[in-house]
């Protein structure tokens, strides 16, 4: 990562269905979350939520392309922001999601841009989502979780960075 990024924490998230980065410092302008989750079941949605808020305060819009077709989606009143779909058993080519969380400590609704890819041996997809949390609270914790409640497999990892100056 560029020198303007500070690595705040890296965690192996194997053997658990969720992981929380807590006590996030307010010293940064933005955050970047990099998640590589692997699950053993087929098609488990991976999501994030902020400050333990499990209410229907999240929404997202997105586009997806797989080389032969493109689709779009829009979701409101969600209990977390969709990061991507982890495909079961694909330990060689896991889901890779990068989440830019903008102005995480400001008193406006929080937005983030999600870049997600899952190659699936050349038959995968690339997605871009814009997520929003309808809260004016500063983000002090981020939870990465399996929507299906499935444990992440060996090799799953999550890293949180703080951006010193955006």
C-alpha atoms as a PDB file:
ATOM      1  CA  UNK A   1       0.000   0.000   0.000  1.00  0.00           C
ATOM      2  CA  UNK A   2       1.133   3.598  -0.550  1.00  0.00           C
ATOM      3  CA  UNK A   3       2.937   5.356   2.301  1.00  0.00           C
ATOM      4  CA  UNK A   4      -0.212   7.344   3.098  1.00  0.00           C
ATOM      5  CA  UNK A   5      -1.808   4.091   4.299  1.00  0.00           C
ATOM      6  CA  UNK A   6      -1.252   2.822   7.841  1.00  0.00           C
ATOM      7  CA  UNK A   7      -1.977  -0.853   8.424  1.00  0.00           C
ATOM      8  CA  UNK A   8      -4.210  -0.822  11.499  1.00  0.00           C
ATOM      9  CA  UNK A   9      -4.780  -4.576  11.832  1.00  0.00           C
ATOM     10  CA  UNK A  10      -4.617  -7.870   9.961  1.00  0.00           C
ATOM     11  CA  UNK A  11      -6.601 -10.869  11.143  1.00  0.00           C
ATOM     12  CA  UNK A  12      -6.903 -14.487  10.170  1.00  0.00           C
ATOM     13  CA  UNK A  13     -10.662 -14.955  10.137  1.00  0.00           C
ATOM     14  CA  UNK A  14     -10.600 -18.748   9.739  1.00  0.00           C
ATOM     15  CA  UNK A  15     -12.983 -20.798  11.888  1.00  0.00           C
ATOM     16  CA  UNK A  16     -15.401 -17.953  12.666  1.00  0.00           C
ATOM     17  CA  UNK A  17     -18.497 -16.627  10.873  1.00  0.00           C
ATOM     18  CA  UNK A  18     -17.734 -12.987  11.708  1.00  0.00           C
ATOM     19  CA  UNK A  19     -14.831 -10.805  12.726  1.00  0.00           C
ATOM     20  CA  UNK A  20     -14.889  -7.288  14.186  1.00  0.00           C
ATOM     21  CA  UNK A  21     -12.243  -4.595  13.919  1.00  0.00           C
ATOM     22  CA  UNK A  22     -12.973  -2.521  17.025  1.00  0.00           C
ATOM     23  CA  UNK A  23     -11.743   0.708  18.623  1.00  0.00           C
ATOM     24  CA  UNK A  24     -10.905   2.246  15.242  1.00  0.00           C
ATOM     25  CA  UNK A  25      -8.874   5.409  15.703  1.00  0.00           C
ATOM     26  CA  UNK A  26     -10.318   8.725  14.519  1.00  0.00           C
ATOM     27  CA  UNK A  27      -6.858   9.845  13.326  1.00  0.00           C
ATOM     28  CA  UNK A  28      -7.480   9.142   9.633  1.00  0.00           C
ATOM     29  CA  UNK A  29      -9.513  10.693   6.844  1.00  0.00           C
ATOM     30  CA  UNK A  30     -10.681   7.405   5.271  1.00  0.00           C
ATOM     31  CA  UNK A  31     -10.387   3.648   5.739  1.00  0.00           C
ATOM     32  CA  UNK A  32      -9.657   0.765   3.376  1.00  0.00           C
ATOM     33  CA  UNK A  33     -10.743  -2.782   4.207  1.00  0.00           C
ATOM     34  CA  UNK A  34      -9.293  -5.686   2.226  1.00  0.00           C
ATOM     35  CA  UNK A  35     -11.080  -9.024   2.726  1.00  0.00           C
ATOM     36  CA  UNK A  36     -10.273 -12.430   1.255  1.00  0.00           C
ATOM     37  CA  UNK A  37     -12.920 -14.785   2.660  1.00  0.00           C
ATOM     38  CA  UNK A  38     -13.179 -18.470   1.782  1.00  0.00           C
ATOM     39  CA  UNK A  39     -16.206 -20.591   2.703  1.00  0.00           C
ATOM     40  CA  UNK A  40     -16.913 -24.285   2.249  1.00  0.00           C
ATOM     41  CA  UNK A  41     -20.556 -23.852   1.205  1.00  0.00           C
ATOM     42  CA  UNK A  42     -21.807 -22.700  -2.175  1.00  0.00           C
ATOM     43  CA  UNK A  43     -22.634 -19.017  -2.728  1.00  0.00           C
ATOM     44  CA  UNK A  44     -22.470 -17.363   0.683  1.00  0.00           C
ATOM     45  CA  UNK A  45     -22.925 -13.593   0.719  1.00  0.00           C
ATOM     46  CA  UNK A  46     -20.215 -11.719   2.588  1.00  0.00           C
ATOM     47  CA  UNK A  47     -21.261  -8.439   4.217  1.00  0.00           C
ATOM     48  CA  UNK A  48     -20.020  -5.732   6.557  1.00  0.00           C
ATOM     49  CA  UNK A  49     -21.754  -3.642   9.171  1.00  0.00           C
ATOM     50  CA  UNK A  50     -20.631  -0.705  11.241  1.00  0.00           C
ATOM     51  CA  UNK A  51     -20.661  -0.121  15.015  1.00  0.00           C
ATOM     52  CA  UNK A  52     -22.631  -3.330  15.621  1.00  0.00           C
ATOM     53  CA  UNK A  53     -25.707  -1.863  13.883  1.00  0.00           C
ATOM     54  CA  UNK A  54     -27.749  -4.855  12.691  1.00  0.00           C
ATOM     55  CA  UNK A  55     -30.796  -2.747  11.783  1.00  0.00           C
ATOM     56  CA  UNK A  56     -32.065  -2.241   8.238  1.00  0.00           C
ATOM     57  CA  UNK A  57     -29.941   0.892   7.833  1.00  0.00           C
ATOM     58  CA  UNK A  58     -27.844  -0.127   4.828  1.00  0.00           C
ATOM     59  CA  UNK A  59     -28.351   0.105   1.084  1.00  0.00           C
ATOM     60  CA  UNK A  60     -26.300  -0.538  -2.019  1.00  0.00           C
ATOM     61  CA  UNK A  61     -26.321  -0.356  -5.792  1.00  0.00           C
ATOM     62  CA  UNK A  62     -24.006  -2.263  -8.051  1.00  0.00           C
ATOM     63  CA  UNK A  63     -22.969  -3.486 -11.469  1.00  0.00           C
ATOM     64  CA  UNK A  64     -21.550  -6.874 -12.427  1.00  0.00           C
ATOM     65  CA  UNK A  65     -19.870  -8.211 -15.536  1.00  0.00           C
ATOM     66  CA  UNK A  66     -18.596 -11.666 -16.416  1.00  0.00           C
ATOM     67  CA  UNK A  67     -17.175 -11.155 -19.910  1.00  0.00           C
ATOM     68  CA  UNK A  68     -20.382 -12.023 -21.744  1.00  0.00           C
ATOM     69  CA  UNK A  69     -23.139 -10.171 -19.896  1.00  0.00           C
ATOM     70  CA  UNK A  70     -23.698  -7.342 -17.439  1.00  0.00           C
ATOM     71  CA  UNK A  71     -26.298  -6.865 -14.714  1.00  0.00           C
ATOM     72  CA  UNK A  72     -27.148  -4.239 -12.132  1.00  0.00           C
ATOM     73  CA  UNK A  73     -28.717  -4.395  -8.697  1.00  0.00           C
ATOM     74  CA  UNK A  74     -30.128  -2.130  -6.024  1.00  0.00           C
ATOM     75  CA  UNK A  75     -30.922  -3.058  -2.426  1.00  0.00           C
ATOM     76  CA  UNK A  76     -32.489  -0.979   0.340  1.00  0.00           C
ATOM     77  CA  UNK A  77     -33.310  -1.697   3.992  1.00  0.00           C
ATOM     78  CA  UNK A  78     -30.481  -4.232   4.358  1.00  0.00           C
ATOM     79  CA  UNK A  79     -28.826  -5.364   7.622  1.00  0.00           C
ATOM     80  CA  UNK A  80     -25.315  -4.976   6.161  1.00  0.00           C
ATOM     81  CA  UNK A  81     -23.463  -3.886   3.031  1.00  0.00           C
ATOM     82  CA  UNK A  82     -22.880  -6.627   0.459  1.00  0.00           C
ATOM     83  CA  UNK A  83     -19.203  -7.200  -0.344  1.00  0.00           C
ATOM     84  CA  UNK A  84     -19.523 -10.149  -2.699  1.00  0.00           C
ATOM     85  CA  UNK A  85     -20.381 -13.803  -3.023  1.00  0.00           C
ATOM     86  CA  UNK A  86     -17.859 -16.326  -1.743  1.00  0.00           C
ATOM     87  CA  UNK A  87     -18.029 -19.492  -3.819  1.00  0.00           C
ATOM     88  CA  UNK A  88     -17.767 -22.657  -1.754  1.00  0.00           C
ATOM     89  CA  UNK A  89     -14.612 -24.696  -1.862  1.00  0.00           C
ATOM     90  CA  UNK A  90     -12.650 -22.351  -4.095  1.00  0.00           C
ATOM     91  CA  UNK A  91      -9.564 -22.049  -1.945  1.00  0.00           C
ATOM     92  CA  UNK A  92      -7.213 -21.612  -4.905  1.00  0.00           C
ATOM     93  CA  UNK A  93      -9.044 -18.525  -6.208  1.00  0.00           C
ATOM     94  CA  UNK A  94     -11.003 -16.962  -3.326  1.00  0.00           C
ATOM     95  CA  UNK A  95     -13.197 -13.872  -3.325  1.00  0.00           C
ATOM     96  CA  UNK A  96     -11.207 -10.657  -3.067  1.00  0.00           C
ATOM     97  CA  UNK A  97     -13.015  -7.517  -1.880  1.00  0.00           C
ATOM     98  CA  UNK A  98     -11.538  -4.047  -1.408  1.00  0.00           C
ATOM     99  CA  UNK A  99     -13.727  -1.527   0.396  1.00  0.00           C
ATOM    100  CA  UNK A 100     -12.970   2.213   0.393  1.00  0.00           C
ATOM    101  CA  UNK A 101     -14.797   3.781   3.349  1.00  0.00           C
ATOM    102  CA  UNK A 102     -14.934   7.527   2.841  1.00  0.00           C
ATOM    103  CA  UNK A 103     -15.102  10.157   5.611  1.00  0.00           C
ATOM    104  CA  UNK A 104     -15.780   7.497   8.247  1.00  0.00           C
ATOM    105  CA  UNK A 105     -15.816   9.963  11.149  1.00  0.00           C
ATOM    106  CA  UNK A 106     -17.914  12.779   9.618  1.00  0.00           C
ATOM    107  CA  UNK A 107     -21.467  13.486  10.755  1.00  0.00           C
ATOM    108  CA  UNK A 108     -23.059  12.557   7.423  1.00  0.00           C
ATOM    109  CA  UNK A 109     -24.292   9.193   6.144  1.00  0.00           C
ATOM    110  CA  UNK A 110     -21.295   6.925   5.465  1.00  0.00           C
ATOM    111  CA  UNK A 111     -20.579   5.735   1.922  1.00  0.00           C
ATOM    112  CA  UNK A 112     -18.192   3.147   0.609  1.00  0.00           C
ATOM    113  CA  UNK A 113     -17.064   1.798  -2.742  1.00  0.00           C
ATOM    114  CA  UNK A 114     -16.633  -1.962  -3.011  1.00  0.00           C
ATOM    115  CA  UNK A 115     -14.456  -3.608  -5.672  1.00  0.00           C
ATOM    116  CA  UNK A 116     -14.947  -7.344  -5.802  1.00  0.00           C
ATOM    117  CA  UNK A 117     -13.701 -10.111  -8.061  1.00  0.00           C
ATOM    118  CA  UNK A 118     -13.974 -13.887  -8.085  1.00  0.00           C
ATOM    119  CA  UNK A 119     -12.108 -15.419 -10.999  1.00  0.00           C
ATOM    120  CA  UNK A 120     -13.425 -19.004 -10.684  1.00  0.00           C
ATOM    121  CA  UNK A 121     -10.796 -20.315 -13.080  1.00  0.00           C
ATOM    122  CA  UNK A 122     -11.619 -17.835 -15.833  1.00  0.00           C
ATOM    123  CA  UNK A 123     -15.422 -18.056 -15.513  1.00  0.00           C
ATOM    124  CA  UNK A 124     -15.926 -15.513 -12.756  1.00  0.00           C
ATOM    125  CA  UNK A 125     -17.085 -11.945 -12.454  1.00  0.00           C
ATOM    126  CA  UNK A 126     -16.075  -8.443 -11.459  1.00  0.00           C
ATOM    127  CA  UNK A 127     -18.421  -6.224  -9.479  1.00  0.00           C
ATOM    128  CA  UNK A 128     -18.498  -2.634  -8.259  1.00  0.00           C
ATOM    129  CA  UNK A 129     -20.910  -1.553  -5.534  1.00  0.00           C
ATOM    130  CA  UNK A 130     -21.656   1.656  -3.762  1.00  0.00           C
ATOM    131  CA  UNK A 131     -22.848   1.052  -0.214  1.00  0.00           C
ATOM    132  CA  UNK A 132     -24.326   3.438   2.329  1.00  0.00           C
ATOM    133  CA  UNK A 133     -24.935   3.289   6.051  1.00  0.00           C
ATOM    134  CA  UNK A 134     -27.759   5.599   7.144  1.00  0.00           C
ATOM    135  CA  UNK A 135     -26.170   6.855  10.335  1.00  0.00           C
ATOM    136  CA  UNK A 136     -24.372  10.038  11.287  1.00  0.00           C
ATOM    137  CA  UNK A 137     -22.246   8.306  13.953  1.00  0.00           C
ATOM    138  CA  UNK A 138     -18.494   8.048  13.431  1.00  0.00           C
ATOM    139  CA  UNK A 139     -17.446   4.505  12.507  1.00  0.00           C
ATOM    140  CA  UNK A 140     -15.609   2.947  15.444  1.00  0.00           C
ATOM    141  CA  UNK A 141     -15.943  -0.738  14.509  1.00  0.00           C
ATOM    142  CA  UNK A 142     -16.389  -2.810  11.344  1.00  0.00           C
ATOM    143  CA  UNK A 143     -17.715  -6.371  11.332  1.00  0.00           C
ATOM    144  CA  UNK A 144     -17.096  -8.686   8.378  1.00  0.00           C
ATOM    145  CA  UNK A 145     -19.580 -11.563   8.396  1.00  0.00           C
ATOM    146  CA  UNK A 146     -21.015 -14.493   6.503  1.00  0.00           C
ATOM    147  CA  UNK A 147     -24.665 -13.767   5.772  1.00  0.00           C
ATOM    148  CA  UNK A 148     -25.389 -17.508   6.014  1.00  0.00           C
ATOM    149  CA  UNK A 149     -23.630 -17.816   9.373  1.00  0.00           C
ATOM    150  CA  UNK A 150     -21.002 -20.153   7.884  1.00  0.00           C
ATOM    151  CA  UNK A 151     -17.476 -20.199   9.259  1.00  0.00           C
ATOM    152  CA  UNK A 152     -14.680 -18.844   7.097  1.00  0.00           C
ATOM    153  CA  UNK A 153     -12.216 -21.512   5.967  1.00  0.00           C
ATOM    154  CA  UNK A 154      -8.442 -21.739   6.387  1.00  0.00           C
ATOM    155  CA  UNK A 155      -6.666 -18.945   4.529  1.00  0.00           C
ATOM    156  CA  UNK A 156      -9.380 -16.313   5.069  1.00  0.00           C
ATOM    157  CA  UNK A 157      -7.908 -12.953   5.987  1.00  0.00           C
ATOM    158  CA  UNK A 158      -8.995  -9.352   6.566  1.00  0.00           C
ATOM    159  CA  UNK A 159      -6.817  -6.226   6.780  1.00  0.00           C
ATOM    160  CA  UNK A 160      -7.852  -2.709   7.761  1.00  0.00           C
ATOM    161  CA  UNK A 161      -5.871   0.375   6.691  1.00  0.00           C
ATOM    162  CA  UNK A 162      -6.223   4.006   7.728  1.00  0.00           C
ATOM    163  CA  UNK A 163      -5.522   6.693   5.117  1.00  0.00           C
ATOM    164  CA  UNK A 164      -3.396   9.436   6.605  1.00  0.00           C
ATOM    165  CA  UNK A 165      -4.410  12.097   4.054  1.00  0.00           C
ATOM    166  CA  UNK A 166      -6.972  11.597   1.317  1.00  0.00           C
END
